[in-house]
Amino acid sequence: MTPAKSTQVVEAGNVSKWLTQNGFEHESLGFDASGVEVLKVERDFLIPFATALYAYGFNYLQCQGAYDSGPGQDLVSFYHLIKVSDNADRPEEVRIKVFLPREDPRVPSVYWIWKAADWQERESYDMYGIVYEGHPNLKRILMPEDWVGWPLRKDYISPDFYELQDAY
């Protein structure tokens, strides 16, 4: 006997409702374990979406990162945004996720909206091979410039050896 698939209804949070009212297409993924609203957006709409969130008051990019959903599956670029203000006991937060095909992992850079994305996007590029289009200096930050491959992808095969150059 196979278990029945549960169809879970995800209730939209305040940010999702505001975005929908203002014509920004996205998908609400519910809330994470910390109670932070998670939204999915298509890569073609990331810049207008992020600009709208910035205008809505999300003026701080706390974290940008990436992860691999698994061999043959999507790569994900995520953004944790915070609305920093003087009159709030606890700042409002939202997470944005952009799912990218591993054959073409391109997404626009949000560097021009939040400067904090600079090194964070470079690290995601270096470890996963996600190309942040429009980034002012997208190059490897942790691995040597001539490194082949993307070490944190789940289908990455590490080399049998490596050379330490200029180690002393």
C-alpha atoms as a PDB file:
ATOM      1  CA  MET A   1       0.000   0.000   0.000  1.00  0.00           C
ATOM      2  CA  THR A   2       1.483   3.323  -1.027  1.00  0.00           C
ATOM      3  CA  PRO A   3       0.999   6.377   1.140  1.00  0.00           C
ATOM      4  CA  ALA A   4      -1.377   8.966  -0.268  1.00  0.00           C
ATOM      5  CA  LYS A   5       0.186  12.236  -1.336  1.00  0.00           C
ATOM      6  CA  SER A   6      -0.900  15.060   0.885  1.00  0.00           C
ATOM      7  CA  THR A   7      -1.843  18.259  -0.829  1.00  0.00           C
ATOM      8  CA  GLN A   8      -0.788  20.936   1.575  1.00  0.00           C
ATOM      9  CA  VAL A   9      -2.283  24.381   1.259  1.00  0.00           C
ATOM     10  CA  VAL A  10       0.330  27.072   1.841  1.00  0.00           C
ATOM     11  CA  GLU A  11      -1.042  30.258   3.320  1.00  0.00           C
ATOM     12  CA  ALA A  12       0.564  33.393   1.933  1.00  0.00           C
ATOM     13  CA  GLY A  13       2.293  35.707   4.387  1.00  0.00           C
ATOM     14  CA  ASN A  14       2.125  39.497   4.528  1.00  0.00           C
ATOM     15  CA  VAL A  15       4.994  40.065   2.086  1.00  0.00           C
ATOM     16  CA  SER A  16       3.543  37.611  -0.429  1.00  0.00           C
ATOM     17  CA  LYS A  17       0.146  39.289  -0.189  1.00  0.00           C
ATOM     18  CA  TRP A  18       1.699  42.733  -0.747  1.00  0.00           C
ATOM     19  CA  LEU A  19       3.667  41.482  -3.753  1.00  0.00           C
ATOM     20  CA  THR A  20       0.567  39.842  -5.255  1.00  0.00           C
ATOM     21  CA  GLN A  21      -1.474  43.049  -4.772  1.00  0.00           C
ATOM     22  CA  ASN A  22       1.237  44.938  -6.642  1.00  0.00           C
ATOM     23  CA  GLY A  23       1.444  42.514  -9.557  1.00  0.00           C
ATOM     24  CA  PHE A  24       4.688  40.651  -8.749  1.00  0.00           C
ATOM     25  CA  GLU A  25       4.456  37.010  -9.776  1.00  0.00           C
ATOM     26  CA  HIS A  26       5.920  34.522  -7.335  1.00  0.00           C
ATOM     27  CA  GLU A  27       5.095  31.355  -5.448  1.00  0.00           C
ATOM     28  CA  SER A  28       4.759  31.241  -1.681  1.00  0.00           C
ATOM     29  CA  LEU A  29       6.667  28.294  -0.202  1.00  0.00           C
ATOM     30  CA  GLY A  30       5.240  28.864   3.262  1.00  0.00           C
ATOM     31  CA  PHE A  31       7.349  29.532   6.330  1.00  0.00           C
ATOM     32  CA  ASP A  32      10.633  28.005   7.410  1.00  0.00           C
ATOM     33  CA  ALA A  33      11.357  26.557  10.860  1.00  0.00           C
ATOM     34  CA  SER A  34      12.108  30.057  12.192  1.00  0.00           C
ATOM     35  CA  GLY A  35       8.779  31.398  10.987  1.00  0.00           C
ATOM     36  CA  VAL A  36      10.324  33.385   8.128  1.00  0.00           C
ATOM     37  CA  GLU A  37       8.271  33.648   4.952  1.00  0.00           C
ATOM     38  CA  VAL A  38       9.874  31.900   1.936  1.00  0.00           C
ATOM     39  CA  LEU A  39       9.086  33.016  -1.623  1.00  0.00           C
ATOM     40  CA  LYS A  40      10.047  31.464  -4.953  1.00  0.00           C
ATOM     41  CA  VAL A  41      10.660  33.747  -7.925  1.00  0.00           C
ATOM     42  CA  GLU A  42      11.705  33.042 -11.503  1.00  0.00           C
ATOM     43  CA  ARG A  43      15.162  34.287 -12.411  1.00  0.00           C
ATOM     44  CA  ASP A  44      13.821  36.622 -15.118  1.00  0.00           C
ATOM     45  CA  PHE A  45      11.811  38.506 -12.493  1.00  0.00           C
ATOM     46  CA  LEU A  46      14.407  38.602  -9.698  1.00  0.00           C
ATOM     47  CA  ILE A  47      15.566  42.193 -10.275  1.00  0.00           C
ATOM     48  CA  PRO A  48      12.114  43.839 -10.400  1.00  0.00           C
ATOM     49  CA  PHE A  49      11.063  41.607  -7.496  1.00  0.00           C
ATOM     50  CA  ALA A  50      14.127  42.524  -5.403  1.00  0.00           C
ATOM     51  CA  THR A  51      13.738  46.211  -6.281  1.00  0.00           C
ATOM     52  CA  ALA A  52      10.126  46.109  -5.090  1.00  0.00           C
ATOM     53  CA  LEU A  53      11.169  44.463  -1.826  1.00  0.00           C
ATOM     54  CA  TYR A  54      13.858  47.115  -1.341  1.00  0.00           C
ATOM     55  CA  ALA A  55      11.245  49.833  -1.911  1.00  0.00           C
ATOM     56  CA  TYR A  56       8.942  48.011   0.542  1.00  0.00           C
ATOM     57  CA  GLY A  57      11.647  48.445   3.194  1.00  0.00           C
ATOM     58  CA  PHE A  58      13.842  45.342   2.970  1.00  0.00           C
ATOM     59  CA  ASN A  59      17.023  47.382   3.082  1.00  0.00           C
ATOM     60  CA  TYR A  60      19.437  44.732   4.384  1.00  0.00           C
ATOM     61  CA  LEU A  61      20.663  41.576   2.657  1.00  0.00           C
ATOM     62  CA  GLN A  62      21.681  39.459   5.616  1.00  0.00           C
ATOM     63  CA  CYS A  63      22.733  36.456   3.582  1.00  0.00           C
ATOM     64  CA  GLN A  64      22.960  35.277   0.004  1.00  0.00           C
ATOM     65  CA  GLY A  65      23.946  31.708  -0.668  1.00  0.00           C
ATOM     66  CA  ALA A  66      23.289  28.667  -2.778  1.00  0.00           C
ATOM     67  CA  TYR A  67      22.712  24.953  -2.512  1.00  0.00           C
ATOM     68  CA  ASP A  68      22.395  21.930  -4.746  1.00  0.00           C
ATOM     69  CA  SER A  69      19.064  20.081  -4.664  1.00  0.00           C
ATOM     70  CA  GLY A  70      20.792  16.874  -5.763  1.00  0.00           C
ATOM     71  CA  PRO A  71      22.430  15.268  -8.804  1.00  0.00           C
ATOM     72  CA  GLY A  72      20.435  16.158 -11.903  1.00  0.00           C
ATOM     73  CA  GLN A  73      18.223  18.567  -9.969  1.00  0.00           C
ATOM     74  CA  ASP A  74      18.149  22.347  -9.710  1.00  0.00           C
ATOM     75  CA  LEU A  75      20.680  24.628  -8.094  1.00  0.00           C
ATOM     76  CA  VAL A  76      19.135  27.223  -5.785  1.00  0.00           C
ATOM     77  CA  SER A  77      20.281  30.770  -5.134  1.00  0.00           C
ATOM     78  CA  PHE A  78      18.686  32.167  -1.974  1.00  0.00           C
ATOM     79  CA  TYR A  79      18.496  35.580  -0.349  1.00  0.00           C
ATOM     80  CA  HIS A  80      17.625  36.398   3.272  1.00  0.00           C
ATOM     81  CA  LEU A  81      16.314  39.946   3.503  1.00  0.00           C
ATOM     82  CA  ILE A  82      15.584  42.024   6.585  1.00  0.00           C
ATOM     83  CA  LYS A  83      13.584  45.202   7.040  1.00  0.00           C
ATOM     84  CA  VAL A  84      15.715  47.194   9.464  1.00  0.00           C
ATOM     85  CA  SER A  85      13.894  50.047  11.167  1.00  0.00           C
ATOM     86  CA  ASP A  86      14.115  51.922  14.453  1.00  0.00           C
ATOM     87  CA  ASN A  87      10.513  51.405  15.493  1.00  0.00           C
ATOM     88  CA  ALA A  88      10.273  47.596  15.370  1.00  0.00           C
ATOM     89  CA  ASP A  89      10.863  45.194  18.240  1.00  0.00           C
ATOM     90  CA  ARG A  90      11.830  42.458  15.815  1.00  0.00           C
ATOM     91  CA  PRO A  91      12.732  43.193  12.203  1.00  0.00           C
ATOM     92  CA  GLU A  92      10.574  41.707   9.476  1.00  0.00           C
ATOM     93  CA  GLU A  93      12.339  39.013   7.435  1.00  0.00           C
ATOM     94  CA  VAL A  94      11.777  37.206   4.148  1.00  0.00           C
ATOM     95  CA  ARG A  95      13.692  34.591   2.177  1.00  0.00           C
ATOM     96  CA  ILE A  96      13.761  34.507  -1.619  1.00  0.00           C
ATOM     97  CA  LYS A  97      14.674  31.385  -3.590  1.00  0.00           C
ATOM     98  CA  VAL A  98      15.494  31.183  -7.294  1.00  0.00           C
ATOM     99  CA  PHE A  99      15.630  27.646  -8.725  1.00  0.00           C
ATOM    100  CA  LEU A 100      18.091  27.316 -11.608  1.00  0.00           C
ATOM    101  CA  PRO A 101      18.659  24.470 -14.070  1.00  0.00           C
ATOM    102  CA  ARG A 102      22.149  23.051 -13.520  1.00  0.00           C
ATOM    103  CA  GLU A 103      22.778  23.115 -17.291  1.00  0.00           C
ATOM    104  CA  ASP A 104      22.278  26.905 -17.353  1.00  0.00           C
ATOM    105  CA  PRO A 105      22.694  28.333 -13.832  1.00  0.00           C
ATOM    106  CA  ARG A 106      22.438  32.047 -14.592  1.00  0.00           C
ATOM    107  CA  VAL A 107      20.689  34.667 -12.493  1.00  0.00           C
ATOM    108  CA  PRO A 108      20.949  38.470 -12.383  1.00  0.00           C
ATOM    109  CA  SER A 109      23.188  39.906  -9.666  1.00  0.00           C
ATOM    110  CA  VAL A 110      21.489  41.836  -6.874  1.00  0.00           C
ATOM    111  CA  TYR A 111      24.773  43.651  -6.135  1.00  0.00           C
ATOM    112  CA  TRP A 112      23.356  46.888  -7.538  1.00  0.00           C
ATOM    113  CA  ILE A 113      20.493  46.742  -4.993  1.00  0.00           C
ATOM    114  CA  TRP A 114      22.380  45.391  -1.956  1.00  0.00           C
ATOM    115  CA  LYS A 115      26.169  45.840  -2.011  1.00  0.00           C
ATOM    116  CA  ALA A 116      26.461  43.062   0.597  1.00  0.00           C
ATOM    117  CA  ALA A 117      25.866  40.589  -2.252  1.00  0.00           C
ATOM    118  CA  ASP A 118      29.380  41.209  -3.614  1.00  0.00           C
ATOM    119  CA  TRP A 119      31.451  38.481  -1.951  1.00  0.00           C
ATOM    120  CA  GLN A 120      28.453  36.279  -1.224  1.00  0.00           C
ATOM    121  CA  GLU A 121      27.582  35.947  -4.930  1.00  0.00           C
ATOM    122  CA  ARG A 122      31.255  35.324  -5.691  1.00  0.00           C
ATOM    123  CA  GLU A 123      31.299  32.463  -3.195  1.00  0.00           C
ATOM    124  CA  SER A 124      28.130  30.933  -4.694  1.00  0.00           C
ATOM    125  CA  TYR A 125      29.736  31.213  -8.116  1.00  0.00           C
ATOM    126  CA  ASP A 126      32.965  29.646  -6.901  1.00  0.00           C
ATOM    127  CA  MET A 127      31.349  26.696  -5.137  1.00  0.00           C
ATOM    128  CA  TYR A 128      28.313  25.974  -7.379  1.00  0.00           C
ATOM    129  CA  GLY A 129      29.037  27.608 -10.737  1.00  0.00           C
ATOM    130  CA  ILE A 130      26.027  29.926 -10.600  1.00  0.00           C
ATOM    131  CA  VAL A 131      26.731  32.894 -12.876  1.00  0.00           C
ATOM    132  CA  TYR A 132      25.514  36.190 -11.417  1.00  0.00           C
ATOM    133  CA  GLU A 133      25.021  38.295 -14.515  1.00  0.00           C
ATOM    134  CA  GLY A 134      25.973  41.939 -14.085  1.00  0.00           C
ATOM    135  CA  HIS A 135      28.206  41.323 -11.068  1.00  0.00           C
ATOM    136  CA  PRO A 136      31.133  43.795 -11.224  1.00  0.00           C
ATOM    137  CA  ASN A 137      33.887  41.275 -10.373  1.00  0.00           C
ATOM    138  CA  LEU A 138      32.600  37.708 -10.639  1.00  0.00           C
ATOM    139  CA  LYS A 139      35.609  35.471 -10.167  1.00  0.00           C
ATOM    140  CA  ARG A 140      36.735  32.704  -7.853  1.00  0.00           C
ATOM    141  CA  ILE A 141      37.133  33.756  -4.238  1.00  0.00           C
ATOM    142  CA  LEU A 142      38.004  30.522  -2.384  1.00  0.00           C
ATOM    143  CA  MET A 143      39.424  28.189  -5.003  1.00  0.00           C
ATOM    144  CA  PRO A 144      42.431  28.888  -7.254  1.00  0.00           C
ATOM    145  CA  GLU A 145      41.546  30.644 -10.518  1.00  0.00           C
ATOM    146  CA  ASP A 146      42.508  27.563 -12.561  1.00  0.00           C
ATOM    147  CA  TRP A 147      40.386  25.112 -10.503  1.00  0.00           C
ATOM    148  CA  VAL A 148      38.182  22.904 -12.635  1.00  0.00           C
ATOM    149  CA  GLY A 149      34.631  22.295 -11.464  1.00  0.00           C
ATOM    150  CA  TRP A 150      32.328  23.413  -8.693  1.00  0.00           C
ATOM    151  CA  PRO A 151      33.280  21.709  -5.396  1.00  0.00           C
ATOM    152  CA  LEU A 152      29.953  21.907  -3.528  1.00  0.00           C
ATOM    153  CA  ARG A 153      27.804  20.449  -6.284  1.00  0.00           C
ATOM    154  CA  LYS A 154      26.575  17.023  -5.282  1.00  0.00           C
ATOM    155  CA  ASP A 155      27.724  15.520  -8.578  1.00  0.00           C
ATOM    156  CA  TYR A 156      31.262  16.934  -8.240  1.00  0.00           C
ATOM    157  CA  ILE A 157      34.055  14.386  -8.513  1.00  0.00           C
ATOM    158  CA  SER A 158      37.130  15.526  -6.626  1.00  0.00           C
ATOM    159  CA  PRO A 159      40.470  15.104  -8.322  1.00  0.00           C
ATOM    160  CA  ASP A 160      42.800  12.288  -7.255  1.00  0.00           C
ATOM    161  CA  PHE A 161      45.475  14.840  -6.439  1.00  0.00           C
ATOM    162  CA  TYR A 162      46.089  18.544  -6.264  1.00  0.00           C
ATOM    163  CA  GLU A 163      49.166  20.678  -6.335  1.00  0.00           C
ATOM    164  CA  LEU A 164      50.053  23.227  -3.731  1.00  0.00           C
ATOM    165  CA  GLN A 165      51.610  26.161  -5.489  1.00  0.00           C
ATOM    166  CA  ASP A 166      53.446  28.899  -3.652  1.00  0.00           C
ATOM    167  CA  ALA A 167      52.635  27.210  -0.359  1.00  0.00           C
ATOM    168  CA  TYR A 168      55.726  28.467   1.427  1.00  0.00           C
END
